[in-house]
C-alpha atoms as a PDB file:
ATOM      1  CA  MET A   1      29.784  34.472   3.848  1.00  0.00           C
ATOM      2  CA  GLY A   2      27.064  34.155   1.250  1.00  0.00           C
ATOM      3  CA  SER A   3      24.358  31.535   1.131  1.00  0.00           C
ATOM      4  CA  CYS A   4      22.717  29.684  -1.756  1.00  0.00           C
ATOM      5  CA  VAL A   5      19.324  28.043  -2.290  1.00  0.00           C
ATOM      6  CA  PHE A   6      18.651  25.396  -4.848  1.00  0.00           C
ATOM      7  CA  PHE A   7      14.909  25.104  -5.458  1.00  0.00           C
ATOM      8  CA  VAL A   8      13.175  22.496  -7.636  1.00  0.00           C
ATOM      9  CA  GLY A   9       9.485  22.869  -8.336  1.00  0.00           C
ATOM     10  CA  THR A  10       7.044  20.892 -10.535  1.00  0.00           C
ATOM     11  CA  TYR A  11       3.495  21.428 -11.856  1.00  0.00           C
ATOM     12  CA  ARG A  12       1.260  20.169 -14.498  1.00  0.00           C
ATOM     13  CA  ASP A  13       0.523  22.841 -17.138  1.00  0.00           C
ATOM     14  CA  ASN A  14      -2.876  21.399 -17.775  1.00  0.00           C
ATOM     15  CA  GLU A  15      -3.906  21.761 -14.143  1.00  0.00           C
ATOM     16  CA  VAL A  16      -3.018  25.418 -13.501  1.00  0.00           C
ATOM     17  CA  GLN A  17      -4.475  28.542 -15.072  1.00  0.00           C
ATOM     18  CA  ILE A  18      -3.127  31.916 -15.862  1.00  0.00           C
ATOM     19  CA  GLY A  19      -3.080  33.905 -12.639  1.00  0.00           C
ATOM     20  CA  HIS A  20      -1.918  30.956 -10.530  1.00  0.00           C
ATOM     21  CA  ALA A  21       0.685  31.767  -7.886  1.00  0.00           C
ATOM     22  CA  ILE A  22       3.316  29.683  -9.706  1.00  0.00           C
ATOM     23  CA  PHE A  23       3.389  32.132 -12.593  1.00  0.00           C
ATOM     24  CA  ASP A  24       3.648  35.117 -10.217  1.00  0.00           C
ATOM     25  CA  LEU A  25       6.616  33.371  -8.584  1.00  0.00           C
ATOM     26  CA  LEU A  26       8.326  32.781 -11.931  1.00  0.00           C
ATOM     27  CA  GLN A  27       7.849  36.307 -12.942  1.00  0.00           C
ATOM     28  CA  LYS A  28       9.300  37.659  -9.728  1.00  0.00           C
ATOM     29  CA  LEU A  29      12.298  35.367 -10.060  1.00  0.00           C
ATOM     30  CA  GLU A  30      12.903  36.647 -13.575  1.00  0.00           C
ATOM     31  CA  THR A  31      12.480  40.324 -12.528  1.00  0.00           C
ATOM     32  CA  SER A  32      14.958  39.744  -9.658  1.00  0.00           C
ATOM     33  CA  ASN A  33      17.533  38.276 -12.137  1.00  0.00           C
ATOM     34  CA  VAL A  34      17.480  34.931 -10.369  1.00  0.00           C
ATOM     35  CA  PRO A  35      18.881  32.291 -12.704  1.00  0.00           C
ATOM     36  CA  THR A  36      16.172  29.787 -13.542  1.00  0.00           C
ATOM     37  CA  THR A  37      15.962  26.791 -15.820  1.00  0.00           C
ATOM     38  CA  LYS A  38      12.667  25.510 -17.211  1.00  0.00           C
ATOM     39  CA  LEU A  39      12.203  21.947 -18.361  1.00  0.00           C
ATOM     40  CA  SER A  40       9.082  20.686 -20.132  1.00  0.00           C
ATOM     41  CA  LEU A  41       8.544  16.959 -19.689  1.00  0.00           C
ATOM     42  CA  THR A  42       6.445  15.359 -22.338  1.00  0.00           C
ATOM     43  CA  GLY A  43       5.368  11.794 -22.991  1.00  0.00           C
ATOM     44  CA  LEU A  44       7.415   9.206 -24.895  1.00  0.00           C
ATOM     45  CA  ASP A  45       7.386   9.600 -28.678  1.00  0.00           C
ATOM     46  CA  ARG A  46       6.549   6.622 -30.871  1.00  0.00           C
ATOM     47  CA  GLY A  47      10.210   5.740 -31.463  1.00  0.00           C
ATOM     48  CA  ASP A  48      11.197   5.781 -27.710  1.00  0.00           C
ATOM     49  CA  LEU A  49       8.081   3.810 -26.769  1.00  0.00           C
ATOM     50  CA  ASN A  50       8.884   1.281 -29.451  1.00  0.00           C
ATOM     51  CA  LYS A  51      12.394   0.876 -28.136  1.00  0.00           C
ATOM     52  CA  MET A  52      11.214   0.535 -24.508  1.00  0.00           C
ATOM     53  CA  MET A  53       8.694  -2.137 -25.473  1.00  0.00           C
ATOM     54  CA  SER A  54      11.292  -3.917 -27.554  1.00  0.00           C
ATOM     55  CA  ASP A  55      13.576  -4.146 -24.507  1.00  0.00           C
ATOM     56  CA  SER A  56      10.698  -5.175 -22.205  1.00  0.00           C
ATOM     57  CA  LEU A  57       9.438  -7.936 -24.477  1.00  0.00           C
ATOM     58  CA  GLY A  58      12.797  -9.073 -25.704  1.00  0.00           C
ATOM     59  CA  LEU A  59      11.781  -8.655 -29.394  1.00  0.00           C
ATOM     60  CA  TYR A  60      13.202  -6.689 -32.343  1.00  0.00           C
ATOM     61  CA  PRO A  61      11.622  -3.217 -32.569  1.00  0.00           C
ATOM     62  CA  ARG A  62      10.143  -4.040 -35.999  1.00  0.00           C
ATOM     63  CA  ILE A  63       8.310  -7.075 -34.526  1.00  0.00           C
ATOM     64  CA  CYS A  64       6.607  -5.178 -31.699  1.00  0.00           C
ATOM     65  CA  LYS A  65       6.059  -1.894 -33.640  1.00  0.00           C
ATOM     66  CA  SER A  66       2.376  -2.694 -34.347  1.00  0.00           C
ATOM     67  CA  LEU A  67       1.784  -3.192 -30.616  1.00  0.00           C
ATOM     68  CA  SER A  68       3.790  -0.086 -29.545  1.00  0.00           C
ATOM     69  CA  ASP A  69       1.843   1.990 -32.068  1.00  0.00           C
ATOM     70  CA  ILE A  70      -1.434   0.910 -30.503  1.00  0.00           C
ATOM     71  CA  VAL A  71      -0.127   1.590 -26.974  1.00  0.00           C
ATOM     72  CA  PHE A  72       1.030   5.031 -28.075  1.00  0.00           C
ATOM     73  CA  GLN A  73      -2.379   5.777 -29.588  1.00  0.00           C
ATOM     74  CA  LYS A  74      -4.128   4.759 -26.382  1.00  0.00           C
ATOM     75  CA  THR A  75      -1.765   6.358 -23.842  1.00  0.00           C
ATOM     76  CA  LYS A  76      -0.245   9.338 -25.802  1.00  0.00           C
ATOM     77  CA  GLY A  77       3.072   8.228 -24.481  1.00  0.00           C
ATOM     78  CA  ASN A  78       2.411   8.930 -20.824  1.00  0.00           C
ATOM     79  CA  PRO A  79       5.017   6.679 -19.114  1.00  0.00           C
ATOM     80  CA  PHE A  80       2.767   5.968 -16.038  1.00  0.00           C
ATOM     81  CA  PHE A  81      -0.202   5.289 -18.222  1.00  0.00           C
ATOM     82  CA  VAL A  82       1.902   3.019 -20.507  1.00  0.00           C
ATOM     83  CA  LEU A  83       2.941   0.880 -17.581  1.00  0.00           C
ATOM     84  CA  GLU A  84      -0.594   0.522 -16.216  1.00  0.00           C
ATOM     85  CA  PHE A  85      -1.965  -0.212 -19.614  1.00  0.00           C
ATOM     86  CA  ILE A  86       0.542  -2.914 -20.388  1.00  0.00           C
ATOM     87  CA  GLN A  87       0.016  -4.538 -16.962  1.00  0.00           C
ATOM     88  CA  SER A  88      -3.764  -4.524 -17.556  1.00  0.00           C
ATOM     89  CA  LEU A  89      -3.276  -6.289 -20.933  1.00  0.00           C
ATOM     90  CA  GLN A  90      -1.020  -8.914 -19.377  1.00  0.00           C
ATOM     91  CA  SER A  91      -3.417  -9.550 -16.472  1.00  0.00           C
ATOM     92  CA  ARG A  92      -6.245 -10.145 -18.920  1.00  0.00           C
ATOM     93  CA  ASP A  93      -4.255 -12.395 -21.257  1.00  0.00           C
ATOM     94  CA  LEU A  94      -4.314  -9.918 -24.053  1.00  0.00           C
ATOM     95  CA  LEU A  95      -0.545  -9.980 -23.807  1.00  0.00           C
ATOM     96  CA  GLN A  96       0.950 -13.278 -22.769  1.00  0.00           C
ATOM     97  CA  TYR A  97       4.168 -15.316 -22.981  1.00  0.00           C
ATOM     98  CA  ASP A  98       4.052 -18.386 -25.195  1.00  0.00           C
ATOM     99  CA  SER A  99       6.475 -20.976 -23.789  1.00  0.00           C
ATOM    100  CA  CYS A 100       6.297 -23.010 -26.975  1.00  0.00           C
ATOM    101  CA  GLN A 101       7.383 -20.132 -29.219  1.00  0.00           C
ATOM    102  CA  LYS A 102       9.411 -18.681 -26.370  1.00  0.00           C
ATOM    103  CA  ARG A 103       8.183 -15.119 -27.027  1.00  0.00           C
ATOM    104  CA  TRP A 104       5.479 -12.671 -26.084  1.00  0.00           C
ATOM    105  CA  LEU A 105       2.285 -12.784 -28.181  1.00  0.00           C
ATOM    106  CA  TRP A 106      -0.674 -10.318 -28.157  1.00  0.00           C
ATOM    107  CA  ASN A 107      -4.203 -10.051 -29.456  1.00  0.00           C
ATOM    108  CA  GLU A 108      -3.829  -6.992 -31.647  1.00  0.00           C
ATOM    109  CA  ASP A 109      -7.563  -6.626 -32.651  1.00  0.00           C
ATOM    110  CA  ALA A 110      -8.717  -6.880 -28.984  1.00  0.00           C
ATOM    111  CA  ILE A 111      -6.142  -4.398 -27.842  1.00  0.00           C
ATOM    112  CA  ARG A 112      -7.043  -1.952 -30.599  1.00  0.00           C
ATOM    113  CA  ALA A 113     -10.683  -2.166 -29.548  1.00  0.00           C
ATOM    114  CA  GLU A 114      -9.837  -1.226 -25.933  1.00  0.00           C
ATOM    115  CA  GLU A 115     -11.615   2.008 -24.901  1.00  0.00           C
ATOM    116  CA  ILE A 116      -9.212   4.163 -22.886  1.00  0.00           C
ATOM    117  CA  THR A 117     -10.063   7.545 -21.355  1.00  0.00           C
ATOM    118  CA  ASP A 118      -7.803  10.536 -21.561  1.00  0.00           C
ATOM    119  CA  ASN A 119      -6.428   9.909 -18.046  1.00  0.00           C
ATOM    120  CA  VAL A 120      -5.498   6.924 -15.920  1.00  0.00           C
ATOM    121  CA  LEU A 121      -8.302   7.182 -13.394  1.00  0.00           C
ATOM    122  CA  HIS A 122     -10.680   4.828 -15.127  1.00  0.00           C
ATOM    123  CA  LEU A 123      -7.984   2.219 -15.671  1.00  0.00           C
ATOM    124  CA  LEU A 124      -6.659   2.555 -12.082  1.00  0.00           C
ATOM    125  CA  SER A 125     -10.176   2.515 -10.544  1.00  0.00           C
ATOM    126  CA  SER A 126     -11.057  -0.715 -12.448  1.00  0.00           C
ATOM    127  CA  LYS A 127      -7.733  -2.292 -11.237  1.00  0.00           C
ATOM    128  CA  LEU A 128      -8.220  -1.243  -7.606  1.00  0.00           C
ATOM    129  CA  ASN A 129     -11.736  -2.574  -7.548  1.00  0.00           C
ATOM    130  CA  GLN A 130     -10.335  -6.064  -8.129  1.00  0.00           C
ATOM    131  CA  LEU A 131      -8.062  -5.919  -5.033  1.00  0.00           C
ATOM    132  CA  PRO A 132      -8.867  -7.736  -1.754  1.00  0.00           C
ATOM    133  CA  ASN A 133     -11.165  -5.836   0.614  1.00  0.00           C
ATOM    134  CA  GLU A 134      -8.430  -5.196   3.141  1.00  0.00           C
ATOM    135  CA  VAL A 135      -6.134  -3.623   0.536  1.00  0.00           C
ATOM    136  CA  ARG A 136      -8.866  -1.441  -0.778  1.00  0.00           C
ATOM    137  CA  LEU A 137      -9.755  -0.354   2.734  1.00  0.00           C
ATOM    138  CA  LEU A 138      -6.030   0.661   3.425  1.00  0.00           C
ATOM    139  CA  LEU A 139      -5.815   2.610   0.193  1.00  0.00           C
ATOM    140  CA  LYS A 140      -9.071   4.450   0.848  1.00  0.00           C
ATOM    141  CA  VAL A 141      -8.074   5.435   4.291  1.00  0.00           C
ATOM    142  CA  MET A 142      -4.596   6.575   3.186  1.00  0.00           C
ATOM    143  CA  ALA A 143      -6.198   8.636   0.427  1.00  0.00           C
ATOM    144  CA  CYS A 144      -7.913  10.697   3.125  1.00  0.00           C
ATOM    145  CA  PHE A 145      -4.574  11.591   4.722  1.00  0.00           C
ATOM    146  CA  GLY A 146      -3.130  12.995   1.496  1.00  0.00           C
ATOM    147  CA  THR A 147       0.020  11.944  -0.312  1.00  0.00           C
ATOM    148  CA  SER A 148       1.647  10.323   2.698  1.00  0.00           C
ATOM    149  CA  THR A 149       1.189   9.235   6.326  1.00  0.00           C
ATOM    150  CA  ASN A 150       3.203   7.569   9.054  1.00  0.00           C
ATOM    151  CA  GLU A 151       2.932   3.861   9.473  1.00  0.00           C
ATOM    152  CA  SER A 152       2.203   4.323  13.201  1.00  0.00           C
ATOM    153  CA  VAL A 153      -1.110   5.936  12.228  1.00  0.00           C
ATOM    154  CA  ILE A 154      -2.120   2.777  10.415  1.00  0.00           C
ATOM    155  CA  GLY A 155      -1.077   0.738  13.405  1.00  0.00           C
ATOM    156  CA  TYR A 156      -3.274   2.742  15.783  1.00  0.00           C
ATOM    157  CA  LEU A 157      -6.212   2.701  13.370  1.00  0.00           C
ATOM    158  CA  SER A 158      -5.979  -1.170  13.108  1.00  0.00           C
ATOM    159  CA  GLU A 159      -6.862  -1.288  16.832  1.00  0.00           C
ATOM    160  CA  SER A 160     -10.474  -0.147  16.068  1.00  0.00           C
ATOM    161  CA  ALA A 161     -12.918  -2.876  15.095  1.00  0.00           C
ATOM    162  CA  GLY A 162     -14.119  -1.131  11.861  1.00  0.00           C
ATOM    163  CA  TYR A 163     -10.595  -0.791  10.514  1.00  0.00           C
ATOM    164  CA  SER A 164      -8.900  -3.900  11.867  1.00  0.00           C
ATOM    165  CA  GLY A 165      -8.059  -5.083   8.374  1.00  0.00           C
ATOM    166  CA  VAL A 166      -5.869  -2.092   7.420  1.00  0.00           C
ATOM    167  CA  ARG A 167      -2.671  -3.764   8.789  1.00  0.00           C
ATOM    168  CA  ASN A 168      -3.050  -6.730   6.450  1.00  0.00           C
ATOM    169  CA  GLY A 169      -4.052  -4.418   3.666  1.00  0.00           C
ATOM    170  CA  LEU A 170      -0.772  -2.466   4.192  1.00  0.00           C
ATOM    171  CA  GLU A 171       1.318  -5.482   3.366  1.00  0.00           C
ATOM    172  CA  GLY A 172      -0.755  -6.164   0.249  1.00  0.00           C
ATOM    173  CA  ALA A 173      -0.487  -2.586  -0.936  1.00  0.00           C
ATOM    174  CA  LEU A 174       3.198  -2.473  -0.450  1.00  0.00           C
ATOM    175  CA  HIS A 175       3.677  -5.857  -2.248  1.00  0.00           C
ATOM    176  CA  ASP A 176       1.535  -4.805  -5.187  1.00  0.00           C
ATOM    177  CA  GLY A 177       3.365  -1.513  -5.554  1.00  0.00           C
ATOM    178  CA  TYR A 178       0.660   0.972  -4.927  1.00  0.00           C
ATOM    179  CA  ILE A 179       2.484   2.621  -2.013  1.00  0.00           C
ATOM    180  CA  GLU A 180       6.048   2.673  -0.780  1.00  0.00           C
ATOM    181  CA  LYS A 181       7.708   3.239   2.606  1.00  0.00           C
ATOM    182  CA  ASP A 182      10.633   5.492   3.165  1.00  0.00           C
ATOM    183  CA  GLU A 183      13.399   5.172   5.826  1.00  0.00           C
ATOM    184  CA  GLU A 184      11.424   7.302   8.315  1.00  0.00           C
ATOM    185  CA  GLY A 185       8.405   5.046   8.205  1.00  0.00           C
ATOM    186  CA  TYR A 186       6.242   7.261   6.088  1.00  0.00           C
ATOM    187  CA  LEU A 187       3.924   5.559   3.623  1.00  0.00           C
ATOM    188  CA  LYS A 188       3.444   7.323   0.256  1.00  0.00           C
ATOM    189  CA  PHE A 189       1.389   6.598  -2.796  1.00  0.00           C
ATOM    190  CA  VAL A 190       3.691   5.814  -5.771  1.00  0.00           C
ATOM    191  CA  HIS A 191       1.714   8.352  -7.867  1.00  0.00           C
ATOM    192  CA  ASP A 192      -0.910  10.969  -7.151  1.00  0.00           C
ATOM    193  CA  LYS A 193      -3.263   9.404  -9.673  1.00  0.00           C
ATOM    194  CA  VAL A 194      -3.249   6.229  -7.534  1.00  0.00           C
ATOM    195  CA  ARG A 195      -4.322   8.279  -4.518  1.00  0.00           C
ATOM    196  CA  GLU A 196      -7.050   9.996  -6.572  1.00  0.00           C
ATOM    197  CA  ALA A 197      -8.326   6.646  -7.899  1.00  0.00           C
ATOM    198  CA  ALA A 198      -8.309   5.266  -4.343  1.00  0.00           C
ATOM    199  CA  TYR A 199     -10.313   8.218  -2.993  1.00  0.00           C
ATOM    200  CA  ASN A 200     -12.835   7.831  -5.766  1.00  0.00           C
ATOM    201  CA  LEU A 201     -13.504   4.244  -4.496  1.00  0.00           C
ATOM    202  CA  ILE A 202     -15.141   5.787  -1.406  1.00  0.00           C
ATOM    203  CA  PRO A 203     -18.887   6.233  -1.846  1.00  0.00           C
ATOM    204  CA  ASP A 204     -19.935   9.819  -1.459  1.00  0.00           C
ATOM    205  CA  SER A 205     -22.159   8.900   1.507  1.00  0.00           C
ATOM    206  CA  ASP A 206     -19.118   7.470   3.330  1.00  0.00           C
ATOM    207  CA  LYS A 207     -16.439   9.998   2.485  1.00  0.00           C
ATOM    208  CA  LYS A 208     -17.143  12.240   5.439  1.00  0.00           C
ATOM    209  CA  GLN A 209     -17.074   9.332   7.885  1.00  0.00           C
ATOM    210  CA  VAL A 210     -13.843   7.840   6.616  1.00  0.00           C
ATOM    211  CA  CYS A 211     -12.026  11.152   6.372  1.00  0.00           C
ATOM    212  CA  VAL A 212     -13.172  12.400   9.808  1.00  0.00           C
ATOM    213  CA  VAL A 213     -11.775   9.191  11.462  1.00  0.00           C
ATOM    214  CA  SER A 214      -8.570   9.388   9.480  1.00  0.00           C
ATOM    215  CA  LEU A 215      -7.861  13.045  10.052  1.00  0.00           C
ATOM    216  CA  VAL A 216      -8.667  13.033  13.773  1.00  0.00           C
ATOM    217  CA  LEU A 217      -6.480  10.038  14.322  1.00  0.00           C
ATOM    218  CA  CYS A 218      -3.645  11.573  12.346  1.00  0.00           C
ATOM    219  CA  ARG A 219      -3.920  14.732  14.508  1.00  0.00           C
ATOM    220  CA  CYS A 220      -3.831  12.692  17.703  1.00  0.00           C
ATOM    221  CA  VAL A 221      -0.606  11.020  16.701  1.00  0.00           C
ATOM    222  CA  GLN A 222       1.014  14.245  15.627  1.00  0.00           C
ATOM    223  CA  LEU A 223       0.174  15.834  19.089  1.00  0.00           C
ATOM    224  CA  ILE A 224       1.450  12.826  21.005  1.00  0.00           C
ATOM    225  CA  ASN A 225       4.731  12.704  19.071  1.00  0.00           C
ATOM    226  CA  ALA A 226       5.277  16.397  19.313  1.00  0.00           C
ATOM    227  CA  LEU A 227       4.548  16.685  23.053  1.00  0.00           C
ATOM    228  CA  LEU A 228       5.948  13.375  24.421  1.00  0.00           C
ATOM    229  CA  ASN A 229       8.213  12.129  21.673  1.00  0.00           C
ATOM    230  CA  ILE A 230       6.811   8.676  22.150  1.00  0.00           C
ATOM    231  CA  SER A 231       4.031   6.749  20.570  1.00  0.00           C
ATOM    232  CA  PRO A 232       1.513   5.497  23.175  1.00  0.00           C
ATOM    233  CA  LEU A 233      -1.936   4.393  22.049  1.00  0.00           C
ATOM    234  CA  CYS A 234      -4.590   7.106  22.330  1.00  0.00           C
ATOM    235  CA  PHE A 235      -8.279   6.708  22.692  1.00  0.00           C
ATOM    236  CA  TYR A 236     -10.764   9.255  21.519  1.00  0.00           C
ATOM    237  CA  SER A 237     -14.502   8.946  20.789  1.00  0.00           C
ATOM    238  CA  VAL A 238     -15.269  10.573  17.478  1.00  0.00           C
ATOM    239  CA  PRO A 239     -18.962  11.195  16.766  1.00  0.00           C
ATOM    240  CA  LEU A 240     -19.709  10.208  13.165  1.00  0.00           C
ATOM    241  CA  ARG A 241     -23.484  10.353  12.958  1.00  0.00           C
ATOM    242  CA  PRO A 242     -26.231  10.420  15.630  1.00  0.00           C
ATOM    243  CA  GLY A 243     -25.938   7.339  17.794  1.00  0.00           C
ATOM    244  CA  GLN A 244     -22.569   6.168  16.263  1.00  0.00           C
ATOM    245  CA  SER A 245     -19.006   6.638  17.302  1.00  0.00           C
ATOM    246  CA  VAL A 246     -15.655   4.985  16.889  1.00  0.00           C
ATOM    247  CA  VAL A 247     -12.911   4.544  19.479  1.00  0.00           C
ATOM    248  CA  LEU A 248      -9.372   5.489  18.397  1.00  0.00           C
END
């Protein structure tokens, strides 16, 4: 009886160079006559972005075309960037709903003057900096774990004095849509750019301290779950710098 494997892989073509292992894999698959399908995902074009904003704002496409053209110019049609940019405009009243006219209005000149970098990090970092301290702490700690971590790890970490606010920060981060929780209790960033922006919030002088605490705690939880299949609290003294330690 034969067996089949269905494999789906993704990568950003602007983040890998010739000679990367992904290209070696693709060549081997082709040489071995393994059927493959390549899909190139690009940003929204002007027309699609105009239709999307027309649906979102409840306006005819021709009415919001000037706005969608500016958004396209600023975001290059990147869907995630479009969403973040529109939300930032709304939060700063550059895009707001007029109850008298019963429609959305915008300050076209001010939006056109917005300076946007080629990626979303600058916009996301500015947005994260405005969050409550506990939410920022939670996001910074999670950024050290990688793309995801188990909720139990956050619970254990909240037992230490220096990170007692992460539990409240978790609720805020979930509510604001920066992270999501799956059925197995794993917390994940909604986008890798959110994780990258959260990690950049950590001062260089503190990155080693925060990441050491996070990674050691994560390893403790993994060992306990693997060996005992339960989740008791664990206590470890982790040296951070001369004369300082934290209890986990």
